[in-house]
Each structure stands twice: as C-alpha cells, then as structure tokens.
C-alpha atoms as a PDB file:
ATOM      1  CA  MET A   1      97.379  51.385 -63.376  1.00  0.00           C
ATOM      2  CA  LYS A   2      98.320  51.449 -67.036  1.00  0.00           C
ATOM      3  CA  LYS A   3      96.011  54.451 -67.597  1.00  0.00           C
ATOM      4  CA  LYS A   4      97.772  56.392 -64.822  1.00  0.00           C
ATOM      5  CA  ALA A   5     101.212  55.613 -66.266  1.00  0.00           C
ATOM      6  CA  SER A   6      99.967  56.521 -69.739  1.00  0.00           C
ATOM      7  CA  LYS A   7      98.569  59.867 -68.504  1.00  0.00           C
ATOM      8  CA  ARG A   8     101.787  60.567 -66.646  1.00  0.00           C
ATOM      9  CA  GLY A   9     103.832  59.694 -69.767  1.00  0.00           C
ATOM     10  CA  SER A  10     101.746  61.910 -72.046  1.00  0.00           C
ATOM     11  CA  ALA A  11     101.880  64.773 -69.516  1.00  0.00           C
ATOM     12  CA  HIS A  12     105.654  64.370 -69.357  1.00  0.00           C
ATOM     13  CA  SER A  13     105.842  64.318 -73.167  1.00  0.00           C
ATOM     14  CA  LEU A  14     103.633  67.422 -73.416  1.00  0.00           C
ATOM     15  CA  ARG A  15     105.742  69.226 -70.809  1.00  0.00           C
ATOM     16  CA  SER A  16     108.950  68.332 -72.711  1.00  0.00           C
ATOM     17  CA  LYS A  17     107.460  69.665 -75.934  1.00  0.00           C
ATOM     18  CA  LEU A  18     106.409  72.920 -74.241  1.00  0.00           C
ATOM     19  CA  VAL A  19     109.859  73.380 -72.692  1.00  0.00           C
ATOM     20  CA  LEU A  20     111.514  72.688 -76.053  1.00  0.00           C
ATOM     21  CA  MET A  21     109.180  75.142 -77.809  1.00  0.00           C
ATOM     22  CA  CYS A  22     109.903  77.848 -75.208  1.00  0.00           C
ATOM     23  CA  LEU A  23     113.631  77.290 -75.592  1.00  0.00           C
ATOM     24  CA  LEU A  24     113.330  77.613 -79.382  1.00  0.00           C
ATOM     25  CA  LEU A  25     111.265  80.782 -79.017  1.00  0.00           C
ATOM     26  CA  LEU A  26     114.042  82.249 -76.865  1.00  0.00           C
ATOM     27  CA  ALA A  27     116.970  80.888 -78.871  1.00  0.00           C
ATOM     28  CA  ILE A  28     115.881  82.014 -82.350  1.00  0.00           C
ATOM     29  CA  PRO A  29     115.519  85.745 -81.489  1.00  0.00           C
ATOM     30  CA  SER A  30     118.778  85.606 -79.505  1.00  0.00           C
ATOM     31  CA  LEU A  31     120.540  84.084 -82.497  1.00  0.00           C
ATOM     32  CA  ILE A  32     119.094  86.723 -84.843  1.00  0.00           C
ATOM     33  CA  ILE A  33     120.137  89.541 -82.484  1.00  0.00           C
ATOM     34  CA  GLY A  34     123.626  88.038 -82.178  1.00  0.00           C
ATOM     35  CA  ILE A  35     124.069  87.787 -85.952  1.00  0.00           C
ATOM     36  CA  GLN A  36     122.824  91.352 -86.457  1.00  0.00           C
ATOM     37  CA  GLY A  37     125.213  92.597 -83.755  1.00  0.00           C
ATOM     38  CA  TYR A  38     128.147  90.800 -85.353  1.00  0.00           C
ATOM     39  CA  LEU A  39     127.353  92.131 -88.830  1.00  0.00           C
ATOM     40  CA  SER A  40     126.925  95.661 -87.486  1.00  0.00           C
ATOM     41  CA  ALA A  41     130.228  95.544 -85.569  1.00  0.00           C
ATOM     42  CA  ASN A  42     132.035  94.096 -88.595  1.00  0.00           C
ATOM     43  CA  ASN A  43     130.595  96.819 -90.838  1.00  0.00           C
ATOM     44  CA  ASN A  44     131.678  99.517 -88.359  1.00  0.00           C
ATOM     45  CA  LEU A  45     135.217  98.067 -88.267  1.00  0.00           C
ATOM     46  CA  ASN A  46     135.340  98.043 -92.071  1.00  0.00           C
ATOM     47  CA  GLU A  47     134.227 101.676 -92.184  1.00  0.00           C
ATOM     48  CA  LEU A  48     136.806 102.636 -89.556  1.00  0.00           C
ATOM     49  CA  GLY A  49     139.567 100.809 -91.443  1.00  0.00           C
ATOM     50  CA  ALA A  50     138.586 102.410 -94.749  1.00  0.00           C
ATOM     51  CA  ARG A  51     138.557 105.848 -93.104  1.00  0.00           C
ATOM     52  CA  SER A  52     142.030 105.189 -91.684  1.00  0.00           C
ATOM     53  CA  LEU A  53     143.437 104.315 -95.137  1.00  0.00           C
ATOM     54  CA  LYS A  54     141.873 107.421 -96.645  1.00  0.00           C
ATOM     55  CA  ASN A  55     143.081 109.688 -93.809  1.00  0.00           C
ATOM     56  CA  ASN A  56     146.676 108.453 -94.152  1.00  0.00           C
ATOM     57  CA  VAL A  57     146.643 109.243 -97.878  1.00  0.00           C
ATOM     58  CA  ASN A  58     145.121 112.694 -97.297  1.00  0.00           C
ATOM     59  CA  PHE A  59     147.659 113.410 -94.538  1.00  0.00           C
ATOM     60  CA  THR A  60     150.519 112.543 -96.921  1.00  0.00           C
ATOM     61  CA  ILE A  61     149.083 114.849 -99.583  1.00  0.00           C
ATOM     62  CA  GLU A  62     148.894 117.649 -96.979  1.00  0.00           C
ATOM     63  CA  LEU A  63     152.524 116.973 -96.049  1.00  0.00           C
ATOM     64  CA  ILE A  64     153.493 117.321 -99.730  1.00  0.00           C
ATOM     65  CA  ASP A  65     151.493 120.551 -99.935  1.00  0.00           C
ATOM     66  CA  SER A  66     153.323 122.047 -96.950  1.00  0.00           C
ATOM     67  CA  LEU A  67     156.757 121.023 -98.277  1.00  0.00           C
ATOM     68  CA  GLN A  68     155.900 122.392-101.738  1.00  0.00           C
ATOM     69  CA  THR A  69     155.589 125.823-100.081  1.00  0.00           C
ATOM     70  CA  TYR A  70     159.300 125.595 -99.099  1.00  0.00           C
ATOM     71  CA  VAL A  71     160.161 124.447-102.637  1.00  0.00           C
ATOM     72  CA  ASP A  72     158.287 127.442-104.096  1.00  0.00           C
ATOM     73  CA  GLN A  73     160.167 129.766-101.709  1.00  0.00           C
ATOM     74  CA  GLY A  74     163.502 128.259-102.836  1.00  0.00           C
ATOM     75  CA  LYS A  75     164.346 127.008 -99.335  1.00  0.00           C
ATOM     76  CA  ILE A  76     164.674 123.358-100.429  1.00  0.00           C
ATOM     77  CA  SER A  77     164.810 121.540-103.744  1.00  0.00           C
ATOM     78  CA  VAL A  78     161.916 119.397-104.951  1.00  0.00           C
ATOM     79  CA  GLU A  79     164.191 116.344-104.610  1.00  0.00           C
ATOM     80  CA  GLU A  80     164.879 117.189-100.944  1.00  0.00           C
ATOM     81  CA  ALA A  81     161.165 117.671-100.307  1.00  0.00           C
ATOM     82  CA  GLN A  82     160.351 114.360-101.987  1.00  0.00           C
ATOM     83  CA  GLU A  83     162.960 112.502 -99.920  1.00  0.00           C
ATOM     84  CA  GLN A  84     161.546 114.062 -96.731  1.00  0.00           C
ATOM     85  CA  VAL A  85     158.094 112.695 -97.615  1.00  0.00           C
ATOM     86  CA  LYS A  86     159.474 109.237 -98.434  1.00  0.00           C
ATOM     87  CA  SER A  87     161.479 109.171 -95.190  1.00  0.00           C
ATOM     88  CA  HIS A  88     158.475 110.288 -93.167  1.00  0.00           C
ATOM     89  CA  ILE A  89     155.922 107.806 -94.535  1.00  0.00           C
ATOM     90  CA  LEU A  90     158.314 104.829 -94.693  1.00  0.00           C
ATOM     91  CA  GLY A  91     161.772 105.549 -93.337  1.00  0.00           C
ATOM     92  CA  PRO A  92     165.203 106.534 -94.626  1.00  0.00           C
ATOM     93  CA  LYS A  93     166.590 104.624 -97.590  1.00  0.00           C
ATOM     94  CA  GLN A  94     168.953 101.833 -96.528  1.00  0.00           C
ATOM     95  CA  SER A  95     172.212 100.975 -98.333  1.00  0.00           C
ATOM     96  CA  ASP A  96     170.453  98.015-100.042  1.00  0.00           C
ATOM     97  CA  GLY A  97     167.751 100.323-101.498  1.00  0.00           C
ATOM     98  CA  THR A  98     165.002  99.230 -99.092  1.00  0.00           C
ATOM     99  CA  ARG A  99     163.134 101.373 -96.585  1.00  0.00           C
ATOM    100  CA  THR A 100     161.858 100.443 -93.157  1.00  0.00           C
ATOM    101  CA  ILE A 101     158.151 100.914 -92.454  1.00  0.00           C
ATOM    102  CA  ASN A 102     157.437 103.833 -90.127  1.00  0.00           C
ATOM    103  CA  LYS A 103     155.748 102.111 -87.166  1.00  0.00           C
ATOM    104  CA  SER A 104     154.435 105.421 -85.778  1.00  0.00           C
ATOM    105  CA  ILE A 105     151.975 105.505 -88.706  1.00  0.00           C
ATOM    106  CA  ASP A 106     149.647 102.659 -87.722  1.00  0.00           C
ATOM    107  CA  VAL A 107     148.062 101.015 -90.761  1.00  0.00           C
ATOM    108  CA  GLY A 108     147.644  97.568 -89.232  1.00  0.00           C
ATOM    109  CA  GLU A 109     150.211  94.823 -88.857  1.00  0.00           C
ATOM    110  CA  ASN A 110     151.048  94.555 -92.573  1.00  0.00           C
ATOM    111  CA  GLY A 111     149.834  97.909 -93.887  1.00  0.00           C
ATOM    112  CA  TYR A 112     151.861 100.897 -95.014  1.00  0.00           C
ATOM    113  CA  ILE A 113     151.848 103.987 -97.231  1.00  0.00           C
ATOM    114  CA  PHE A 114     153.708 103.937-100.547  1.00  0.00           C
ATOM    115  CA  VAL A 115     153.977 105.983-103.745  1.00  0.00           C
ATOM    116  CA  LEU A 116     153.618 105.223-107.461  1.00  0.00           C
ATOM    117  CA  SER A 117     154.136 107.362-110.535  1.00  0.00           C
ATOM    118  CA  ASP A 118     151.169 107.671-112.889  1.00  0.00           C
ATOM    119  CA  LYS A 119     153.014 105.177-115.145  1.00  0.00           C
ATOM    120  CA  GLY A 120     153.296 102.504-112.422  1.00  0.00           C
ATOM    121  CA  SER A 121     156.886 103.044-111.213  1.00  0.00           C
ATOM    122  CA  MET A 122     157.408 102.490-107.483  1.00  0.00           C
ATOM    123  CA  LEU A 123     158.655 105.852-106.213  1.00  0.00           C
ATOM    124  CA  ALA A 124     158.563 104.967-102.492  1.00  0.00           C
ATOM    125  CA  SER A 125     158.243 101.406-101.229  1.00  0.00           C
ATOM    126  CA  PRO A 126     159.744  99.250 -98.474  1.00  0.00           C
ATOM    127  CA  LYS A 127     161.179  96.674-100.898  1.00  0.00           C
ATOM    128  CA  MET A 128     160.192  97.574-104.475  1.00  0.00           C
ATOM    129  CA  GLU A 129     161.359 101.181-104.872  1.00  0.00           C
ATOM    130  CA  GLY A 130     162.507 101.837-108.440  1.00  0.00           C
ATOM    131  CA  LYS A 131     160.670  98.822-109.871  1.00  0.00           C
ATOM    132  CA  GLU A 132     157.864  98.863-112.425  1.00  0.00           C
ATOM    133  CA  SER A 133     154.416  97.568-111.508  1.00  0.00           C
ATOM    134  CA  TRP A 134     152.193  98.836-114.365  1.00  0.00           C
ATOM    135  CA  ASP A 135     151.535  95.298-115.630  1.00  0.00           C
ATOM    136  CA  ALA A 136     151.094  93.695-112.169  1.00  0.00           C
ATOM    137  CA  LYS A 137     148.243  91.168-112.327  1.00  0.00           C
ATOM    138  CA  GLY A 138     146.135  89.494-109.705  1.00  0.00           C
ATOM    139  CA  PRO A 139     145.399  85.742-109.934  1.00  0.00           C
ATOM    140  CA  ASP A 140     142.167  86.588-111.774  1.00  0.00           C
ATOM    141  CA  GLY A 141     144.114  88.520-114.452  1.00  0.00           C
ATOM    142  CA  THR A 142     143.095  91.963-113.160  1.00  0.00           C
ATOM    143  CA  LEU A 143     145.692  94.665-113.844  1.00  0.00           C
ATOM    144  CA  PHE A 144     145.268  96.101-110.353  1.00  0.00           C
ATOM    145  CA  THR A 145     148.035  98.747-110.565  1.00  0.00           C
ATOM    146  CA  GLN A 146     146.313 100.287-113.575  1.00  0.00           C
ATOM    147  CA  GLU A 147     142.987 100.164-111.726  1.00  0.00           C
ATOM    148  CA  ILE A 148     144.541 101.839-108.668  1.00  0.00           C
ATOM    149  CA  ILE A 149     146.111 104.602-110.778  1.00  0.00           C
ATOM    150  CA  GLY A 150     142.882 105.183-112.714  1.00  0.00           C
ATOM    151  CA  LYS A 151     140.890 105.644-109.502  1.00  0.00           C
ATOM    152  CA  ALA A 152     143.581 107.876-107.978  1.00  0.00           C
ATOM    153  CA  ILE A 153     143.653 110.192-111.001  1.00  0.00           C
ATOM    154  CA  ASN A 154     139.844 110.431-110.950  1.00  0.00           C
ATOM    155  CA  GLY A 155     139.671 111.802-107.396  1.00  0.00           C
ATOM    156  CA  GLY A 156     140.658 108.762-105.323  1.00  0.00           C
ATOM    157  CA  GLY A 157     139.218 105.353-104.609  1.00  0.00           C
ATOM    158  CA  PHE A 158     139.542 101.888-103.092  1.00  0.00           C
ATOM    159  CA  THR A 159     140.844  98.800-104.918  1.00  0.00           C
ATOM    160  CA  GLN A 160     140.838  95.195-103.686  1.00  0.00           C
ATOM    161  CA  TYR A 161     143.312  92.656-105.064  1.00  0.00           C
ATOM    162  CA  GLN A 162     145.480  89.653-104.173  1.00  0.00           C
ATOM    163  CA  TRP A 163     149.185  90.032-103.301  1.00  0.00           C
ATOM    164  CA  ALA A 164     151.866  87.883-101.672  1.00  0.00           C
ATOM    165  CA  SER A 165     151.556  87.540 -97.907  1.00  0.00           C
ATOM    166  CA  ALA A 166     154.191  89.299 -95.787  1.00  0.00           C
ATOM    167  CA  HIS A 167     154.687  86.040 -93.848  1.00  0.00           C
ATOM    168  CA  ASP A 168     154.865  83.673 -96.839  1.00  0.00           C
ATOM    169  CA  PRO A 169     155.508  84.994-100.372  1.00  0.00           C
ATOM    170  CA  ASN A 170     154.012  81.793-101.825  1.00  0.00           C
ATOM    171  CA  VAL A 171     150.612  82.558-100.260  1.00  0.00           C
ATOM    172  CA  LEU A 172     148.341  85.226-101.739  1.00  0.00           C
ATOM    173  CA  ALA A 173     146.488  87.464 -99.296  1.00  0.00           C
ATOM    174  CA  PRO A 174     143.577  89.809-100.000  1.00  0.00           C
ATOM    175  CA  LYS A 175     144.613  93.477 -99.882  1.00  0.00           C
ATOM    176  CA  ILE A 176     142.710  96.737 -99.990  1.00  0.00           C
ATOM    177  CA  THR A 177     144.254 100.023-101.088  1.00  0.00           C
ATOM    178  CA  TYR A 178     143.049 103.592-101.078  1.00  0.00           C
ATOM    179  CA  ALA A 179     144.858 105.822-103.598  1.00  0.00           C
ATOM    180  CA  LYS A 180     144.687 109.463-104.615  1.00  0.00           C
ATOM    181  CA  GLN A 181     146.884 111.649-106.830  1.00  0.00           C
ATOM    182  CA  ASP A 182     148.874 114.496-105.328  1.00  0.00           C
ATOM    183  CA  PRO A 183     148.278 117.723-107.311  1.00  0.00           C
ATOM    184  CA  HIS A 184     151.857 119.080-106.947  1.00  0.00           C
ATOM    185  CA  TRP A 185     154.136 116.244-108.022  1.00  0.00           C
ATOM    186  CA  GLY A 186     151.595 113.979-109.695  1.00  0.00           C
ATOM    187  CA  TRP A 187     152.445 111.197-107.238  1.00  0.00           C
ATOM    188  CA  ILE A 188     149.893 108.441-106.657  1.00  0.00           C
ATOM    189  CA  ILE A 189     149.752 108.114-102.867  1.00  0.00           C
ATOM    190  CA  LEU A 190     148.531 104.721-101.651  1.00  0.00           C
ATOM    191  CA  CYS A 191     147.745 103.262 -98.274  1.00  0.00           C
ATOM    192  CA  ARG A 192     147.333  99.494 -98.162  1.00  0.00           C
ATOM    193  CA  ASP A 193     146.215  96.970 -95.568  1.00  0.00           C
ATOM    194  CA  VAL A 194     145.267  93.310 -95.396  1.00  0.00           C
ATOM    195  CA  TYR A 195     141.566  92.881 -96.147  1.00  0.00           C
ATOM    196  CA  GLY A 196     139.498  90.491 -94.228  1.00  0.00           C
ATOM    197  CA  GLY A 197     137.349  92.908 -93.477  1.00  0.00           C
ATOM    198  CA  LEU A 198     139.815  95.589 -92.886  1.00  0.00           C
ATOM    199  CA  GLN A 199     142.063  94.742 -89.963  1.00  0.00           C
END
C-alpha cells in the first residue's frame, strides 16, 4: 500500500515538475517578446517626437523665409515680419509682456516653440521674453543655453537638460529641445517638449 502511494506521489511530483517546466518554456519567450515589443514601440515614439520637434523648427524657418520676401519687396518692415512670426508660433503679446502658447501647434502638453538670439536673449517666449538666458545652468552645471545655441549655429541639433516643471516650479523636469538658426535674421528657433521619452 505504501509503495502504491509512493508511486502515485512521485508521479504527481513528476507531473507538477513537467507542467512547471512547460509553463516556464512558454513564459520566458513571451516575456522576451513583450519586452522587445515595448522597447520597439518606445523607440518609435521617441523618433516620432524628435521628428515633430524638428519639423516645427523647420516650419518656423520656412515661415520666416516667406515673410522675408515681403520685407525684401518693401511691403512690410522686418519688425512687422518678426512680430507676425512671434504671434504665429506663440500668440500676440499681452499687456504684461507674456504670450499665450498657440494650441494649434501641437508640441505635447507642455511643449512650445520659442526664439533666442545667438547671445542668449529670449526674443519670443511665453513668460521670459526680453530676459537673458546665456548663463542658464542645469543642476549638473551644464550651460545648456550655450549648448543649444552652439548646435543651432552648426546646422541644428537636440539638447537634453533639466528645467522647472510647468506644474510646480520647485520641481525639475527633463526637457528636450531641437534648435536651428534661421539664415535671415540669425534667430535661434527652438522647439521644446518634456522628455520621458518624448511625449
């Protein structure tokens, strides 16, 4: 009787081990496929976000190019053309010196297009227009405005840095910016979004 119970117990134990092994053989490849799918989707979203930042900057430079034609023809002044660009990418200047963010240009929940001079002055910004940012530093000491301007002057590029969150100015959030210099006015055109990958 004990032998029968022992055989039944060992058969049950063997069956449990086989079932467990089969489950592991199915679970491990499924897990690997799931991780690869997630990484691939995340990479595609990052590429799409980066392309969006770059396209918004290039579109703004094309807008400047088309308005410069009217300036060259004497139809509008360069100042009028520049204000048209600022109003289009952000919004009209308010009485307090701020600009609203143009919601029809979708750069994510907290993203927008803005403009710097090659010396770091904010030429168009929702809240910092007219302020200097040449010496702006990230928490790691990186002079990110200078890095952004350097890349923009050398044909354009992406820069990642930390900046105050739109929801809480005491909290730093990772940002990514694509910047390129406009050939007509020398403006540094930037498009920025929250990075996490790109959202």
